[in-house]
Amino acid sequence: MNDRVRIVDVKVLSDDWYVLRKTSFDFLRSDGSWQRQSRETYDRGNGATILLYNRARRTVVLTRQFRFPAFVNGTPDGMLVEACAGLLDRDDPVTCIRREVEEETGYRIADVRPVFEAYMSPGSVTERLHFFVGAYEPRDKVSDGGGEAHEGEDIEVLEPTLDEALAMVEAGEIRDGKTIMLLQYAKLHGLVD
């Protein structure tokens, strides 16, 4: 643990969809003084995301789906274009992302490569996201994908070129952080050049 943090109190504020906690703690500041602070953290577990790419066709696989938080925060139709992603649940990151790829996109891929991990909103959300890239071929398509209806998913599968996807970022059509990070990674590392 961290000698600079002393937990004083933890209250569960909500345990409906995931867990929202309010924690009071003392924090040892760099000047040597202790300061009492209070933070709310939303714990939804850790997740994984992947950018599927096809070098020969210069394409990537993305999804489009309704996101209620985006809807209530200024996206009129609530639809976001994203890289495939999901929560780990009780799986390791590789098992999780292979499962999510098949459920959401219909591709069954063998090789996935981890590229980095990141906290996407560390001021309030505990989730650590595992980022992957993976090559795909048309023959890897085993179903239409679309997600799991019982989980509320209704996912459209997209297959733009990397350049088209980056132009969508520039035009404000892709506004999902994890997706932008993966598209930039693909460009920087020449995944489809």
Protein backbone atom coordinates (compact mmCIF):
# COMPACT_ATOMS: atom_id res chain seq x y z
CA MET A 1 0.00 0.00 0.00
CA ASN A 2 0.91 3.64 -0.12
CA ASP A 3 2.24 5.23 3.12
CA ARG A 4 0.86 8.57 1.92
CA VAL A 5 -2.78 7.38 2.04
CA ARG A 6 -4.81 6.46 5.14
CA ILE A 7 -8.37 5.33 4.43
CA VAL A 8 -10.78 6.84 6.98
CA ASP A 9 -14.21 5.75 5.73
CA VAL A 10 -15.80 3.99 2.75
CA LYS A 11 -19.51 4.24 1.92
CA VAL A 12 -21.28 2.40 -0.89
CA LEU A 13 -23.52 4.95 -2.62
CA SER A 14 -24.86 2.63 -5.30
CA ASP A 15 -24.53 -1.04 -6.15
CA ASP A 16 -27.00 -1.33 -9.02
CA TRP A 17 -25.19 -1.46 -12.36
CA TYR A 18 -21.67 -1.31 -10.91
CA VAL A 19 -20.37 0.02 -7.58
CA LEU A 20 -20.14 3.70 -6.69
CA ARG A 21 -18.24 4.38 -3.46
CA LYS A 22 -17.45 7.53 -1.49
CA THR A 23 -14.13 7.29 0.32
CA SER A 24 -12.71 9.70 2.89
CA PHE A 25 -8.96 9.47 3.34
CA ASP A 26 -5.99 11.37 4.68
CA PHE A 27 -3.30 12.19 2.14
CA LEU A 28 0.30 13.09 3.04
CA ARG A 29 1.13 16.12 0.92
CA SER A 30 4.60 16.80 -0.44
CA ASP A 31 5.08 19.54 2.20
CA GLY A 32 4.69 16.93 4.98
CA SER A 33 1.18 17.93 6.07
CA TRP A 34 -1.82 15.58 6.11
CA GLN A 35 -4.96 16.65 4.29
CA ARG A 36 -8.39 15.04 4.58
CA GLN A 37 -9.92 14.39 1.15
CA SER A 38 -13.06 12.73 -0.14
CA ARG A 39 -13.56 11.09 -3.54
CA GLU A 40 -16.23 9.10 -5.31
CA THR A 41 -15.02 6.17 -7.39
CA TYR A 42 -17.01 4.15 -9.89
CA ASP A 43 -15.81 0.54 -9.98
CA ARG A 44 -16.95 -1.36 -13.04
CA GLY A 45 -14.00 -3.72 -13.28
CA ASN A 46 -11.17 -3.70 -15.79
CA GLY A 47 -11.59 -4.06 -19.54
CA ALA A 48 -9.94 -4.77 -22.85
CA THR A 49 -10.12 -3.18 -26.29
CA ILE A 50 -8.70 -4.11 -29.67
CA LEU A 51 -8.17 -2.66 -33.11
CA LEU A 52 -8.53 -5.31 -35.80
CA TYR A 53 -6.55 -4.45 -38.93
CA ASN A 54 -5.95 -5.95 -42.36
CA ARG A 55 -2.62 -4.87 -43.81
CA ALA A 56 -3.34 -5.85 -47.42
CA ARG A 57 -6.73 -4.12 -47.57
CA ARG A 58 -5.55 -1.22 -45.35
CA THR A 59 -8.76 -1.59 -43.30
CA VAL A 60 -9.73 -1.68 -39.66
CA VAL A 61 -12.84 -3.06 -37.96
CA LEU A 62 -14.86 -0.68 -35.80
CA THR A 63 -18.32 -0.78 -34.26
CA ARG A 64 -21.18 1.66 -33.95
CA GLN A 65 -23.56 1.44 -31.01
CA PHE A 66 -25.85 3.47 -28.77
CA ARG A 67 -24.23 4.86 -25.62
CA PHE A 68 -26.66 6.40 -23.14
CA PRO A 69 -24.03 8.60 -21.39
CA ALA A 70 -23.10 10.11 -24.78
CA PHE A 71 -26.80 10.62 -25.54
CA VAL A 72 -27.40 12.60 -22.34
CA ASN A 73 -24.19 14.59 -22.86
CA GLY A 74 -24.77 16.17 -26.25
CA THR A 75 -24.72 13.38 -28.84
CA PRO A 76 -28.24 13.66 -30.30
CA ASP A 77 -28.56 10.06 -31.50
CA GLY A 78 -26.28 8.60 -28.81
CA MET A 79 -24.36 6.58 -31.40
CA LEU A 80 -20.58 6.24 -31.05
CA VAL A 81 -18.04 4.64 -33.38
CA GLU A 82 -15.62 2.57 -31.32
CA ALA A 83 -13.01 -0.14 -31.31
CA CYS A 84 -14.34 -3.46 -30.04
CA ALA A 85 -14.15 -3.62 -26.23
CA GLY A 86 -15.58 -5.26 -23.15
CA LEU A 87 -15.19 -5.87 -19.45
CA LEU A 88 -12.90 -8.68 -18.32
CA ASP A 89 -15.55 -10.12 -16.04
CA ARG A 90 -13.64 -13.10 -14.64
CA ASP A 91 -11.44 -13.66 -17.70
CA ASP A 92 -7.86 -12.69 -18.43
CA PRO A 93 -7.49 -9.83 -20.95
CA VAL A 94 -6.67 -12.07 -23.96
CA THR A 95 -9.61 -14.42 -23.36
CA CYS A 96 -11.89 -11.43 -22.86
CA ILE A 97 -10.91 -9.63 -26.04
CA ARG A 98 -11.19 -12.75 -28.19
CA ARG A 99 -14.71 -13.32 -26.81
CA GLU A 100 -15.71 -9.69 -27.36
CA VAL A 101 -14.34 -9.65 -30.92
CA GLU A 102 -16.46 -12.63 -31.88
CA GLU A 103 -19.60 -11.38 -30.10
CA GLU A 104 -19.40 -7.82 -31.42
CA THR A 105 -17.80 -8.15 -34.86
CA GLY A 106 -18.28 -11.81 -35.86
CA TYR A 107 -14.55 -12.36 -36.38
CA ARG A 108 -12.75 -15.25 -34.68
CA ILE A 109 -9.11 -14.25 -34.47
CA ALA A 110 -6.18 -16.32 -33.30
CA ASP A 111 -3.46 -13.80 -32.62
CA VAL A 112 -3.87 -10.71 -30.49
CA ARG A 113 -0.97 -8.52 -29.47
CA PRO A 114 -0.99 -6.41 -26.29
CA VAL A 115 0.26 -2.88 -26.91
CA PHE A 116 -0.32 -0.92 -23.67
CA GLU A 117 -2.62 -0.35 -20.68
CA ALA A 118 -4.29 2.90 -19.66
CA TYR A 119 -6.70 4.44 -17.18
CA MET A 120 -9.27 6.28 -19.27
CA SER A 121 -10.84 8.49 -16.60
CA PRO A 122 -8.64 8.16 -13.49
CA GLY A 123 -10.28 11.01 -11.61
CA SER A 124 -13.37 8.92 -10.90
CA VAL A 125 -13.38 5.53 -12.68
CA THR A 126 -11.22 2.66 -11.41
CA GLU A 127 -11.14 0.78 -14.75
CA ARG A 128 -7.76 -0.10 -16.25
CA LEU A 129 -8.07 -0.87 -19.96
CA HIS A 130 -5.85 -3.41 -21.75
CA PHE A 131 -5.20 -2.35 -25.37
CA PHE A 132 -4.59 -4.89 -28.15
CA VAL A 133 -4.16 -5.02 -31.91
CA GLY A 134 -4.87 -8.04 -34.06
CA ALA A 135 -4.70 -8.89 -37.74
CA TYR A 136 -7.83 -10.26 -39.38
CA GLU A 137 -8.69 -11.82 -42.73
CA PRO A 138 -12.10 -12.11 -44.42
CA ARG A 139 -11.98 -15.89 -43.80
CA ASP A 140 -11.97 -15.17 -40.01
CA LYS A 141 -15.61 -13.98 -40.21
CA VAL A 142 -17.75 -16.67 -38.53
CA SER A 143 -20.95 -14.69 -37.86
CA ASP A 144 -22.56 -11.28 -38.35
CA GLY A 145 -21.55 -10.16 -34.85
CA GLY A 146 -23.78 -7.44 -33.44
CA GLY A 147 -23.29 -8.14 -29.74
CA GLU A 148 -25.47 -9.81 -27.17
CA ALA A 149 -29.13 -8.71 -27.23
CA HIS A 150 -29.64 -9.80 -23.60
CA GLU A 151 -26.88 -7.30 -22.64
CA GLY A 152 -28.68 -4.52 -24.54
CA GLU A 153 -26.18 -4.56 -27.40
CA ASP A 154 -27.24 -3.70 -30.96
CA ILE A 155 -23.91 -3.26 -32.72
CA GLU A 156 -23.21 -2.32 -36.33
CA VAL A 157 -19.87 -3.53 -37.71
CA LEU A 158 -17.87 -1.06 -39.82
CA GLU A 159 -14.81 -1.70 -42.00
CA PRO A 160 -13.24 1.62 -43.06
CA THR A 161 -9.71 2.06 -44.27
CA LEU A 162 -7.35 3.39 -41.63
CA ASP A 163 -7.20 6.70 -43.50
CA GLU A 164 -11.02 6.92 -43.54
CA ALA A 165 -11.14 6.19 -39.81
CA LEU A 166 -8.53 8.86 -39.07
CA ALA A 167 -10.52 11.32 -41.20
CA MET A 168 -13.58 10.44 -39.06
CA VAL A 169 -11.57 11.41 -35.98
CA GLU A 170 -10.60 14.70 -37.61
CA ALA A 171 -14.25 15.36 -38.57
CA GLY A 172 -15.49 14.63 -35.04
CA GLU A 173 -17.31 11.47 -36.13
CA ILE A 174 -15.15 9.30 -33.86
CA ARG A 175 -14.99 10.72 -30.34
CA ASP A 176 -14.21 7.66 -28.26
CA GLY A 177 -10.85 7.94 -26.49
CA LYS A 178 -9.79 4.31 -26.68
CA THR A 179 -10.57 4.19 -30.39
CA ILE A 180 -8.62 7.35 -31.16
CA MET A 181 -5.64 5.98 -29.22
CA LEU A 182 -5.70 2.70 -31.15
CA LEU A 183 -6.10 4.39 -34.54
CA GLN A 184 -3.15 6.66 -33.78
CA TYR A 185 -1.14 3.63 -32.64
CA ALA A 186 -1.94 1.89 -35.93
CA LYS A 187 -0.79 4.91 -37.93
CA LEU A 188 2.36 5.48 -35.88
CA HIS A 189 3.37 1.82 -36.08
CA GLY A 190 2.50 1.31 -39.75
CA LEU A 191 0.05 -1.53 -39.18
CA VAL A 192 -1.55 -1.07 -42.60
CA ASP A 193 1.21 0.65 -44.58
